[in-house]
C-alpha atoms as a PDB file:
ATOM      1  CA  MET A   1      75.176 139.593 -97.793  1.00  0.00           C
ATOM      2  CA  GLU A   2      72.029 139.695-100.399  1.00  0.00           C
ATOM      3  CA  ASP A   3      74.522 138.468-102.838  1.00  0.00           C
ATOM      4  CA  SER A   4      75.587 135.189-101.877  1.00  0.00           C
ATOM      5  CA  VAL A   5      75.001 131.777-101.733  1.00  0.00           C
ATOM      6  CA  LEU A   6      76.416 129.127 -99.616  1.00  0.00           C
ATOM      7  CA  VAL A   7      78.110 125.863-101.072  1.00  0.00           C
ATOM      8  CA  TYR A   8      78.034 122.616-100.175  1.00  0.00           C
ATOM      9  CA  ILE A   9      81.293 120.156-101.337  1.00  0.00           C
ATOM     10  CA  GLY A  10      81.411 116.403-100.670  1.00  0.00           C
ATOM     11  CA  THR A  11      84.691 114.543-100.489  1.00  0.00           C
ATOM     12  CA  TYR A  12      86.245 111.402-100.156  1.00  0.00           C
ATOM     13  CA  THR A  13      87.182 110.747 -96.318  1.00  0.00           C
ATOM     14  CA  GLU A  14      88.456 107.329 -96.684  1.00  0.00           C
ATOM     15  CA  PRO A  15      90.282 105.595 -99.680  1.00  0.00           C
ATOM     16  CA  ILE A  16      88.175 104.200-102.253  1.00  0.00           C
ATOM     17  CA  LEU A  17      88.929 101.279-105.283  1.00  0.00           C
ATOM     18  CA  PHE A  18      87.447 103.077-108.461  1.00  0.00           C
ATOM     19  CA  GLY A  19      86.277 101.246-111.320  1.00  0.00           C
ATOM     20  CA  THR A  20      89.611 101.693-113.168  1.00  0.00           C
ATOM     21  CA  GLY A  21      91.149  99.384-110.542  1.00  0.00           C
ATOM     22  CA  LYS A  22      92.854 102.806-108.805  1.00  0.00           C
ATOM     23  CA  ILE A  23      92.578 103.652-105.494  1.00  0.00           C
ATOM     24  CA  LEU A  24      91.920 107.610-104.359  1.00  0.00           C
ATOM     25  CA  GLU A  25      93.952 108.228-101.371  1.00  0.00           C
ATOM     26  CA  SER A  26      91.114 110.442-100.057  1.00  0.00           C
ATOM     27  CA  LYS A  27      92.288 114.147 -98.258  1.00  0.00           C
ATOM     28  CA  GLY A  28      88.453 115.169 -97.283  1.00  0.00           C
ATOM     29  CA  GLU A  29      87.241 115.504 -93.709  1.00  0.00           C
ATOM     30  CA  GLY A  30      83.491 115.727 -94.723  1.00  0.00           C
ATOM     31  CA  ILE A  31      81.218 117.901 -96.137  1.00  0.00           C
ATOM     32  CA  TYR A  32      82.428 121.775 -96.387  1.00  0.00           C
ATOM     33  CA  VAL A  33      80.677 124.876 -96.520  1.00  0.00           C
ATOM     34  CA  TYR A  34      81.568 127.914 -98.200  1.00  0.00           C
ATOM     35  CA  ARG A  35      80.147 130.992 -98.925  1.00  0.00           C
ATOM     36  CA  LEU A  36      79.744 132.299-102.885  1.00  0.00           C
ATOM     37  CA  ASN A  37      79.983 136.118-103.548  1.00  0.00           C
ATOM     38  CA  GLN A  38      78.054 135.773-106.962  1.00  0.00           C
ATOM     39  CA  SER A  39      79.305 139.155-108.005  1.00  0.00           C
ATOM     40  CA  SER A  40      83.245 138.430-107.410  1.00  0.00           C
ATOM     41  CA  GLY A  41      83.448 134.448-107.303  1.00  0.00           C
ATOM     42  CA  GLU A  42      85.320 134.490-104.379  1.00  0.00           C
ATOM     43  CA  LEU A  43      84.448 131.320-101.878  1.00  0.00           C
ATOM     44  CA  VAL A  44      85.032 131.929 -98.562  1.00  0.00           C
ATOM     45  CA  PHE A  45      85.380 129.076 -96.304  1.00  0.00           C
ATOM     46  CA  CYS A  46      82.859 128.760 -93.287  1.00  0.00           C
ATOM     47  CA  HIS A  47      82.840 125.405 -91.702  1.00  0.00           C
ATOM     48  CA  LYS A  48      82.938 121.704 -92.443  1.00  0.00           C
ATOM     49  CA  ILE A  49      80.852 118.812 -91.146  1.00  0.00           C
ATOM     50  CA  THR A  50      83.104 115.930 -89.923  1.00  0.00           C
ATOM     51  CA  GLY A  51      82.011 112.437 -89.059  1.00  0.00           C
ATOM     52  CA  VAL A  52      80.530 111.622 -92.581  1.00  0.00           C
ATOM     53  CA  ILE A  53      81.917 109.004 -94.540  1.00  0.00           C
ATOM     54  CA  ASN A  54      82.930 109.315 -98.255  1.00  0.00           C
ATOM     55  CA  PRO A  55      80.023 112.153 -98.908  1.00  0.00           C
ATOM     56  CA  SER A  56      80.947 111.992-102.318  1.00  0.00           C
ATOM     57  CA  TYR A  57      77.909 113.234-104.006  1.00  0.00           C
ATOM     58  CA  LEU A  58      74.771 115.564-102.600  1.00  0.00           C
ATOM     59  CA  ALA A  59      71.552 116.421-103.092  1.00  0.00           C
ATOM     60  CA  PHE A  60      68.978 119.027-101.563  1.00  0.00           C
ATOM     61  CA  GLY A  61      65.543 118.373-101.337  1.00  0.00           C
ATOM     62  CA  PRO A  62      63.113 120.392-102.858  1.00  0.00           C
ATOM     63  CA  ASN A  63      62.710 122.874-100.089  1.00  0.00           C
ATOM     64  CA  LYS A  64      66.277 122.925 -98.972  1.00  0.00           C
ATOM     65  CA  ARG A  65      65.419 122.058 -95.368  1.00  0.00           C
ATOM     66  CA  PHE A  66      67.233 118.254 -95.898  1.00  0.00           C
ATOM     67  CA  LEU A  67      70.382 117.506 -97.250  1.00  0.00           C
ATOM     68  CA  TYR A  68      71.156 113.689 -98.477  1.00  0.00           C
ATOM     69  CA  ALA A  69      74.788 112.549 -98.784  1.00  0.00           C
ATOM     70  CA  VAL A  70      75.902 108.978-100.213  1.00  0.00           C
ATOM     71  CA  ASN A  71      78.251 107.457 -98.022  1.00  0.00           C
ATOM     72  CA  GLU A  72      80.552 105.736-100.892  1.00  0.00           C
ATOM     73  CA  LEU A  73      81.299 102.533 -99.677  1.00  0.00           C
ATOM     74  CA  LYS A  74      81.816  98.743 -99.765  1.00  0.00           C
ATOM     75  CA  GLU A  75      80.668  98.082 -96.101  1.00  0.00           C
ATOM     76  CA  THR A  76      78.607 100.002 -93.435  1.00  0.00           C
ATOM     77  CA  ASP A  77      78.853  99.057 -90.248  1.00  0.00           C
ATOM     78  CA  GLY A  78      79.690  95.453 -90.801  1.00  0.00           C
ATOM     79  CA  SER A  79      76.862  95.212 -93.367  1.00  0.00           C
ATOM     80  CA  PRO A  80      77.635  94.779 -97.333  1.00  0.00           C
ATOM     81  CA  GLY A  81      76.946  97.905 -99.307  1.00  0.00           C
ATOM     82  CA  GLY A  82      76.798 101.486 -98.913  1.00  0.00           C
ATOM     83  CA  SER A  83      74.556 104.421 -97.595  1.00  0.00           C
ATOM     84  CA  VAL A  84      73.191 107.589 -97.597  1.00  0.00           C
ATOM     85  CA  SER A  85      72.839 110.098 -94.991  1.00  0.00           C
ATOM     86  CA  ALA A  86      70.351 112.644 -94.086  1.00  0.00           C
ATOM     87  CA  PHE A  87      71.151 115.960 -92.527  1.00  0.00           C
ATOM     88  CA  SER A  88      68.700 119.113 -91.749  1.00  0.00           C
ATOM     89  CA  VAL A  89      69.915 122.151 -93.022  1.00  0.00           C
ATOM     90  CA  ASN A  90      70.125 125.325 -91.096  1.00  0.00           C
ATOM     91  CA  SER A  91      69.403 128.355 -93.762  1.00  0.00           C
ATOM     92  CA  LYS A  92      71.221 130.922 -91.586  1.00  0.00           C
ATOM     93  CA  THR A  93      74.502 129.712 -90.514  1.00  0.00           C
ATOM     94  CA  GLY A  94      74.488 126.329 -93.255  1.00  0.00           C
ATOM     95  CA  THR A  95      75.588 123.940 -90.265  1.00  0.00           C
ATOM     96  CA  LEU A  96      73.947 120.610 -90.905  1.00  0.00           C
ATOM     97  CA  GLU A  97      72.567 118.387 -88.437  1.00  0.00           C
ATOM     98  CA  PHE A  98      72.763 114.474 -88.817  1.00  0.00           C
ATOM     99  CA  LEU A  99      69.286 112.836 -89.017  1.00  0.00           C
ATOM    100  CA  ASN A 100      69.860 109.290 -89.644  1.00  0.00           C
ATOM    101  CA  LYS A 101      71.281 106.810 -92.771  1.00  0.00           C
ATOM    102  CA  GLN A 102      70.139 103.809 -94.753  1.00  0.00           C
ATOM    103  CA  LEU A 103      71.933 101.086 -96.152  1.00  0.00           C
ATOM    104  CA  THR A 104      71.662 101.602-100.206  1.00  0.00           C
ATOM    105  CA  HIS A 105      71.643  97.414-100.626  1.00  0.00           C
ATOM    106  CA  GLY A 106      74.777  98.099-103.314  1.00  0.00           C
ATOM    107  CA  SER A 107      78.139  99.275-102.920  1.00  0.00           C
ATOM    108  CA  ASP A 108      80.079 102.615-104.023  1.00  0.00           C
ATOM    109  CA  PRO A 109      76.577 104.641-104.176  1.00  0.00           C
ATOM    110  CA  CYS A 110      77.691 107.343-106.397  1.00  0.00           C
ATOM    111  CA  HIS A 111      74.552 109.758-107.057  1.00  0.00           C
ATOM    112  CA  VAL A 112      71.515 110.560-104.981  1.00  0.00           C
ATOM    113  CA  THR A 113      68.520 112.589-106.462  1.00  0.00           C
ATOM    114  CA  VAL A 114      65.048 114.052-105.169  1.00  0.00           C
ATOM    115  CA  ASN A 115      61.575 113.587-106.451  1.00  0.00           C
ATOM    116  CA  SER A 116      60.223 116.804-106.864  1.00  0.00           C
ATOM    117  CA  ALA A 117      57.931 116.559-104.133  1.00  0.00           C
ATOM    118  CA  GLY A 118      60.611 115.677-101.591  1.00  0.00           C
ATOM    119  CA  LYS A 119      58.876 112.175-100.952  1.00  0.00           C
ATOM    120  CA  TYR A 120      61.635 109.873-101.856  1.00  0.00           C
ATOM    121  CA  ILE A 121      65.139 109.783-102.647  1.00  0.00           C
ATOM    122  CA  PHE A 122      66.611 107.533-105.525  1.00  0.00           C
ATOM    123  CA  VAL A 123      70.365 106.166-105.051  1.00  0.00           C
ATOM    124  CA  ALA A 124      72.722 105.050-108.009  1.00  0.00           C
ATOM    125  CA  ASN A 125      75.211 102.135-106.663  1.00  0.00           C
ATOM    126  CA  PHE A 126      77.891 102.425-109.072  1.00  0.00           C
ATOM    127  CA  MET A 127      80.115  99.457-108.415  1.00  0.00           C
ATOM    128  CA  SER A 128      77.501  96.977-107.712  1.00  0.00           C
ATOM    129  CA  GLY A 129      75.141  98.031-110.619  1.00  0.00           C
ATOM    130  CA  SER A 130      71.999  98.529-108.813  1.00  0.00           C
ATOM    131  CA  VAL A 131      69.263 101.237-107.758  1.00  0.00           C
ATOM    132  CA  CYS A 132      67.713 101.742-104.382  1.00  0.00           C
ATOM    133  CA  VAL A 133      64.501 103.867-103.679  1.00  0.00           C
ATOM    134  CA  LEU A 134      64.147 105.286-100.358  1.00  0.00           C
ATOM    135  CA  PRO A 135      61.024 107.369 -98.637  1.00  0.00           C
ATOM    136  CA  VAL A 136      61.580 111.516 -96.557  1.00  0.00           C
ATOM    137  CA  MET A 137      60.058 110.958 -93.312  1.00  0.00           C
ATOM    138  CA  GLU A 138      58.271 114.304 -92.241  1.00  0.00           C
ATOM    139  CA  ASN A 139      61.491 115.559 -90.322  1.00  0.00           C
ATOM    140  CA  GLY A 140      63.723 114.519 -93.243  1.00  0.00           C
ATOM    141  CA  SER A 141      65.178 111.386 -91.940  1.00  0.00           C
ATOM    142  CA  LEU A 142      64.661 108.537 -94.269  1.00  0.00           C
ATOM    143  CA  GLY A 143      63.001 105.228 -93.856  1.00  0.00           C
ATOM    144  CA  GLU A 144      64.080 101.579 -94.939  1.00  0.00           C
ATOM    145  CA  ALA A 145      64.154 101.163 -99.010  1.00  0.00           C
ATOM    146  CA  SER A 146      60.834 101.164-100.437  1.00  0.00           C
ATOM    147  CA  ASP A 147      62.475  99.376-103.506  1.00  0.00           C
ATOM    148  CA  PHE A 148      65.848  98.191-104.933  1.00  0.00           C
ATOM    149  CA  ILE A 149      66.597  96.772-108.543  1.00  0.00           C
ATOM    150  CA  GLN A 150      69.799  95.198-109.469  1.00  0.00           C
ATOM    151  CA  HIS A 151      70.855  95.404-113.298  1.00  0.00           C
ATOM    152  CA  HIS A 152      72.515  92.565-115.072  1.00  0.00           C
ATOM    153  CA  GLY A 153      75.027  92.461-117.906  1.00  0.00           C
ATOM    154  CA  SER A 154      77.848  93.775-119.593  1.00  0.00           C
ATOM    155  CA  SER A 155      79.751  95.228-122.243  1.00  0.00           C
ATOM    156  CA  ILE A 156      82.976  95.541-124.396  1.00  0.00           C
ATOM    157  CA  ASP A 157      85.244  96.931-122.405  1.00  0.00           C
ATOM    158  CA  PRO A 158      86.961  94.189-120.466  1.00  0.00           C
ATOM    159  CA  ASN A 159      88.405  96.648-117.612  1.00  0.00           C
ATOM    160  CA  ARG A 160      85.205  98.921-116.949  1.00  0.00           C
ATOM    161  CA  GLN A 161      82.585  96.730-118.549  1.00  0.00           C
ATOM    162  CA  ARG A 162      82.545  93.388-116.796  1.00  0.00           C
ATOM    163  CA  GLY A 163      79.234  94.240-115.036  1.00  0.00           C
ATOM    164  CA  PRO A 164      76.748  96.881-114.638  1.00  0.00           C
ATOM    165  CA  HIS A 165      77.370 100.049-113.077  1.00  0.00           C
ATOM    166  CA  ALA A 166      74.766 102.433-113.019  1.00  0.00           C
ATOM    167  CA  HIS A 167      75.847 106.117-112.751  1.00  0.00           C
ATOM    168  CA  SER A 168      73.515 108.598-112.299  1.00  0.00           C
ATOM    169  CA  ILE A 169      69.224 108.791-111.848  1.00  0.00           C
ATOM    170  CA  LEU A 170      67.482 111.655-113.670  1.00  0.00           C
ATOM    171  CA  PHE A 171      63.430 112.298-113.858  1.00  0.00           C
ATOM    172  CA  ASP A 172      61.547 113.874-116.158  1.00  0.00           C
ATOM    173  CA  ASP A 173      59.432 117.170-115.473  1.00  0.00           C
ATOM    174  CA  GLU A 174      56.538 114.895-114.193  1.00  0.00           C
ATOM    175  CA  ASN A 175      58.774 113.197-112.168  1.00  0.00           C
ATOM    176  CA  SER A 176      57.074 109.606-113.693  1.00  0.00           C
ATOM    177  CA  ILE A 177      60.375 108.333-115.624  1.00  0.00           C
ATOM    178  CA  ALA A 178      63.639 108.157-113.980  1.00  0.00           C
ATOM    179  CA  PHE A 179      66.504 107.680-116.422  1.00  0.00           C
ATOM    180  CA  VAL A 180      69.466 105.729-115.212  1.00  0.00           C
ATOM    181  CA  PRO A 181      72.544 105.662-117.377  1.00  0.00           C
ATOM    182  CA  ASP A 182      74.475 102.593-116.960  1.00  0.00           C
ATOM    183  CA  LEU A 183      78.285 102.622-118.003  1.00  0.00           C
ATOM    184  CA  GLY A 184      78.610  99.026-117.477  1.00  0.00           C
ATOM    185  CA  LEU A 185      75.702  98.250-119.711  1.00  0.00           C
ATOM    186  CA  ASP A 186      75.834 100.853-122.637  1.00  0.00           C
ATOM    187  CA  LYS A 187      72.502 101.761-121.573  1.00  0.00           C
ATOM    188  CA  VAL A 188      70.250 104.642-120.368  1.00  0.00           C
ATOM    189  CA  ILE A 189      67.706 102.243-118.626  1.00  0.00           C
ATOM    190  CA  ALA A 190      64.508 104.130-117.926  1.00  0.00           C
ATOM    191  CA  TYR A 191      61.938 103.172-115.455  1.00  0.00           C
ATOM    192  CA  LYS A 192      58.332 103.967-114.291  1.00  0.00           C
ATOM    193  CA  PHE A 193      57.763 105.420-111.114  1.00  0.00           C
ATOM    194  CA  ASP A 194      54.783 104.309-108.463  1.00  0.00           C
ATOM    195  CA  SER A 195      54.929 107.555-105.888  1.00  0.00           C
ATOM    196  CA  GLN A 196      52.408 105.939-104.237  1.00  0.00           C
ATOM    197  CA  TYR A 197      54.334 102.670-103.032  1.00  0.00           C
ATOM    198  CA  GLY A 198      57.918 103.826-104.097  1.00  0.00           C
ATOM    199  CA  LYS A 199      58.427 101.578-106.728  1.00  0.00           C
ATOM    200  CA  LEU A 200      60.423 101.644-110.028  1.00  0.00           C
ATOM    201  CA  ARG A 201      59.183  99.600-113.330  1.00  0.00           C
ATOM    202  CA  LEU A 202      61.160  98.885-116.298  1.00  0.00           C
ATOM    203  CA  SER A 203      60.003 100.913-119.179  1.00  0.00           C
ATOM    204  CA  ASP A 204      61.868  99.109-122.259  1.00  0.00           C
ATOM    205  CA  ALA A 205      59.890 101.844-124.247  1.00  0.00           C
ATOM    206  CA  SER A 206      61.790 104.526-123.060  1.00  0.00           C
ATOM    207  CA  SER A 207      65.145 102.891-122.234  1.00  0.00           C
ATOM    208  CA  VAL A 208      68.009 103.556-124.905  1.00  0.00           C
ATOM    209  CA  THR A 209      71.165 101.545-125.848  1.00  0.00           C
ATOM    210  CA  MET A 210      74.232 103.272-126.979  1.00  0.00           C
ATOM    211  CA  GLU A 211      77.482 102.511-129.421  1.00  0.00           C
ATOM    212  CA  PRO A 212      79.079  99.424-127.163  1.00  0.00           C
ATOM    213  CA  GLY A 213      81.950 101.149-125.457  1.00  0.00           C
ATOM    214  CA  ALA A 214      80.693 104.505-124.699  1.00  0.00           C
ATOM    215  CA  GLY A 215      80.138 104.200-121.463  1.00  0.00           C
ATOM    216  CA  PRO A 216      76.919 106.333-120.359  1.00  0.00           C
ATOM    217  CA  ARG A 217      77.594 108.373-116.809  1.00  0.00           C
ATOM    218  CA  HIS A 218      75.500 111.383-117.000  1.00  0.00           C
ATOM    219  CA  ILE A 219      72.202 112.949-118.633  1.00  0.00           C
ATOM    220  CA  THR A 220      70.494 116.105-118.254  1.00  0.00           C
ATOM    221  CA  PHE A 221      67.811 117.552-119.963  1.00  0.00           C
ATOM    222  CA  HIS A 222      67.855 121.189-121.861  1.00  0.00           C
ATOM    223  CA  PRO A 223      65.395 123.788-120.230  1.00  0.00           C
ATOM    224  CA  ASN A 224      62.558 123.274-122.841  1.00  0.00           C
ATOM    225  CA  ARG A 225      62.305 119.480-122.142  1.00  0.00           C
ATOM    226  CA  GLU A 226      62.503 119.350-125.593  1.00  0.00           C
ATOM    227  CA  TYR A 227      66.038 117.627-126.261  1.00  0.00           C
ATOM    228  CA  ALA A 228      68.439 115.500-123.398  1.00  0.00           C
ATOM    229  CA  TYR A 229      72.406 115.300-123.501  1.00  0.00           C
ATOM    230  CA  LEU A 230      74.390 112.202-122.182  1.00  0.00           C
ATOM    231  CA  ILE A 231      77.967 112.134-121.454  1.00  0.00           C
ATOM    232  CA  ASN A 232      79.531 108.918-121.874  1.00  0.00           C
ATOM    233  CA  GLU A 233      82.620 108.526-119.802  1.00  0.00           C
ATOM    234  CA  LEU A 234      84.682 106.209-121.935  1.00  0.00           C
ATOM    235  CA  ASP A 235      84.737 106.886-125.708  1.00  0.00           C
ATOM    236  CA  SER A 236      84.644 110.873-124.682  1.00  0.00           C
ATOM    237  CA  SER A 237      81.528 111.596-126.238  1.00  0.00           C
ATOM    238  CA  ILE A 238      77.907 113.837-126.090  1.00  0.00           C
ATOM    239  CA  ALA A 239      75.001 112.493-127.411  1.00  0.00           C
ATOM    240  CA  VAL A 240      71.915 114.237-128.369  1.00  0.00           C
ATOM    241  CA  PHE A 241      68.423 113.165-127.740  1.00  0.00           C
ATOM    242  CA  SER A 242      64.673 115.228-128.738  1.00  0.00           C
ATOM    243  CA  TYR A 243      62.515 113.651-125.951  1.00  0.00           C
ATOM    244  CA  ASP A 244      58.614 113.285-126.399  1.00  0.00           C
ATOM    245  CA  ILE A 245      57.338 113.961-123.135  1.00  0.00           C
ATOM    246  CA  SER A 246      54.051 112.820-124.207  1.00  0.00           C
ATOM    247  CA  VAL A 247      55.225 109.102-124.301  1.00  0.00           C
ATOM    248  CA  GLY A 248      58.767 109.707-122.553  1.00  0.00           C
ATOM    249  CA  LYS A 249      60.608 108.890-125.403  1.00  0.00           C
ATOM    250  CA  LEU A 250      64.273 109.670-126.212  1.00  0.00           C
ATOM    251  CA  LYS A 251      65.440 109.282-129.602  1.00  0.00           C
ATOM    252  CA  GLN A 252      69.245 109.835-130.701  1.00  0.00           C
ATOM    253  CA  ILE A 253      69.915 112.569-133.183  1.00  0.00           C
ATOM    254  CA  GLN A 254      73.605 113.259-133.023  1.00  0.00           C
ATOM    255  CA  THR A 255      76.771 111.911-131.244  1.00  0.00           C
ATOM    256  CA  ILE A 256      79.826 114.158-130.831  1.00  0.00           C
ATOM    257  CA  SER A 257      83.314 113.821-129.309  1.00  0.00           C
ATOM    258  CA  THR A 258      83.975 115.911-126.559  1.00  0.00           C
ATOM    259  CA  LEU A 259      87.771 116.235-127.809  1.00  0.00           C
ATOM    260  CA  PRO A 260      89.609 118.289-130.065  1.00  0.00           C
ATOM    261  CA  GLU A 261      91.332 116.372-133.363  1.00  0.00           C
ATOM    262  CA  GLU A 262      94.849 116.873-132.411  1.00  0.00           C
ATOM    263  CA  VAL A 263      94.334 115.542-128.816  1.00  0.00           C
ATOM    264  CA  ILE A 264      96.330 112.678-128.276  1.00  0.00           C
ATOM    265  CA  GLY A 265      96.489 110.525-125.214  1.00  0.00           C
ATOM    266  CA  GLU A 266      94.134 108.671-122.647  1.00  0.00           C
ATOM    267  CA  SER A 267      90.724 110.750-121.790  1.00  0.00           C
ATOM    268  CA  THR A 268      87.706 109.804-120.013  1.00  0.00           C
ATOM    269  CA  CYS A 269      84.312 112.128-119.437  1.00  0.00           C
ATOM    270  CA  ALA A 270      82.264 113.023-116.026  1.00  0.00           C
ATOM    271  CA  ASP A 271      80.246 115.494-115.628  1.00  0.00           C
ATOM    272  CA  LEU A 272      77.705 117.172-117.688  1.00  0.00           C
ATOM    273  CA  HIS A 273      75.798 120.624-117.472  1.00  0.00           C
ATOM    274  CA  VAL A 274      73.289 122.824-119.813  1.00  0.00           C
ATOM    275  CA  SER A 275      73.185 126.501-119.500  1.00  0.00           C
ATOM    276  CA  PRO A 276      70.334 128.262-117.774  1.00  0.00           C
ATOM    277  CA  SER A 277      69.762 129.954-121.154  1.00  0.00           C
ATOM    278  CA  GLY A 278      70.007 126.784-123.333  1.00  0.00           C
ATOM    279  CA  ASN A 279      72.608 127.721-125.641  1.00  0.00           C
ATOM    280  CA  TYR A 280      75.508 126.170-124.532  1.00  0.00           C
ATOM    281  CA  VAL A 281      76.210 122.408-123.036  1.00  0.00           C
ATOM    282  CA  TYR A 282      79.053 121.936-120.791  1.00  0.00           C
ATOM    283  CA  GLY A 283      81.273 118.853-120.053  1.00  0.00           C
ATOM    284  CA  SER A 284      84.242 117.719-118.372  1.00  0.00           C
ATOM    285  CA  ASN A 285      86.948 115.442-119.567  1.00  0.00           C
ATOM    286  CA  ARG A 286      89.440 113.747-117.358  1.00  0.00           C
ATOM    287  CA  GLY A 287      93.026 112.836-118.501  1.00  0.00           C
ATOM    288  CA  THR A 288      93.881 115.186-121.422  1.00  0.00           C
END
């Protein structure tokens, strides 16, 4: 099927206490694999990979040979914090072979990304508000963490911002600066990355502070890399930035609500994407 691609879907396999205080009663059984017909939009179930706990977010390495899944947990095999699992990918069948897993040293890891060289993965631990770096071995498995950074502070929402909550990680084109939206701090914290040693170093000049109570969640670049967009979970808004690639600097130029004026009731935002053409930005609302 030349016009088809394999689609991998992560799930929650065990109940999890969210930052909202609500408990999600999980219904998933692992990582599901479907084949998508790109002409008709039809999804056909292929198989599922069981035995992996709460694989809520997935990321491929640059060559698509390896897949990494966070295990969104508060405890792993008796040790505090969550973990991340590594798999090799059968490109023909889509099946996954488990390689290994490593601790992320923070609770409820919710996002994982791989640098363009495929040599390191980066994990955002949501509940504890921290960032972890792990090296990728030649066979795709993961080594122990090469760096770990704990965020500190709070913001104005007494329920959602009593502490830091790192939510995602985005790299610039050079893979030299990592931007980490922290919902609990109302900041996008920037780090310079040392690829030789797998270390992150705070870059105050590239970090940005949002409006109190905004709740930064996900950030993404425009295809021309001259602009970036940040979706804020708590106040249901999208912030627009110009981006100076020469110095890695974001400058906020607009903030717009994700909700029509006539909407009544509570709502929070989730994911954010820019169309390949660069003509549209898509953001998702929850609760309306």
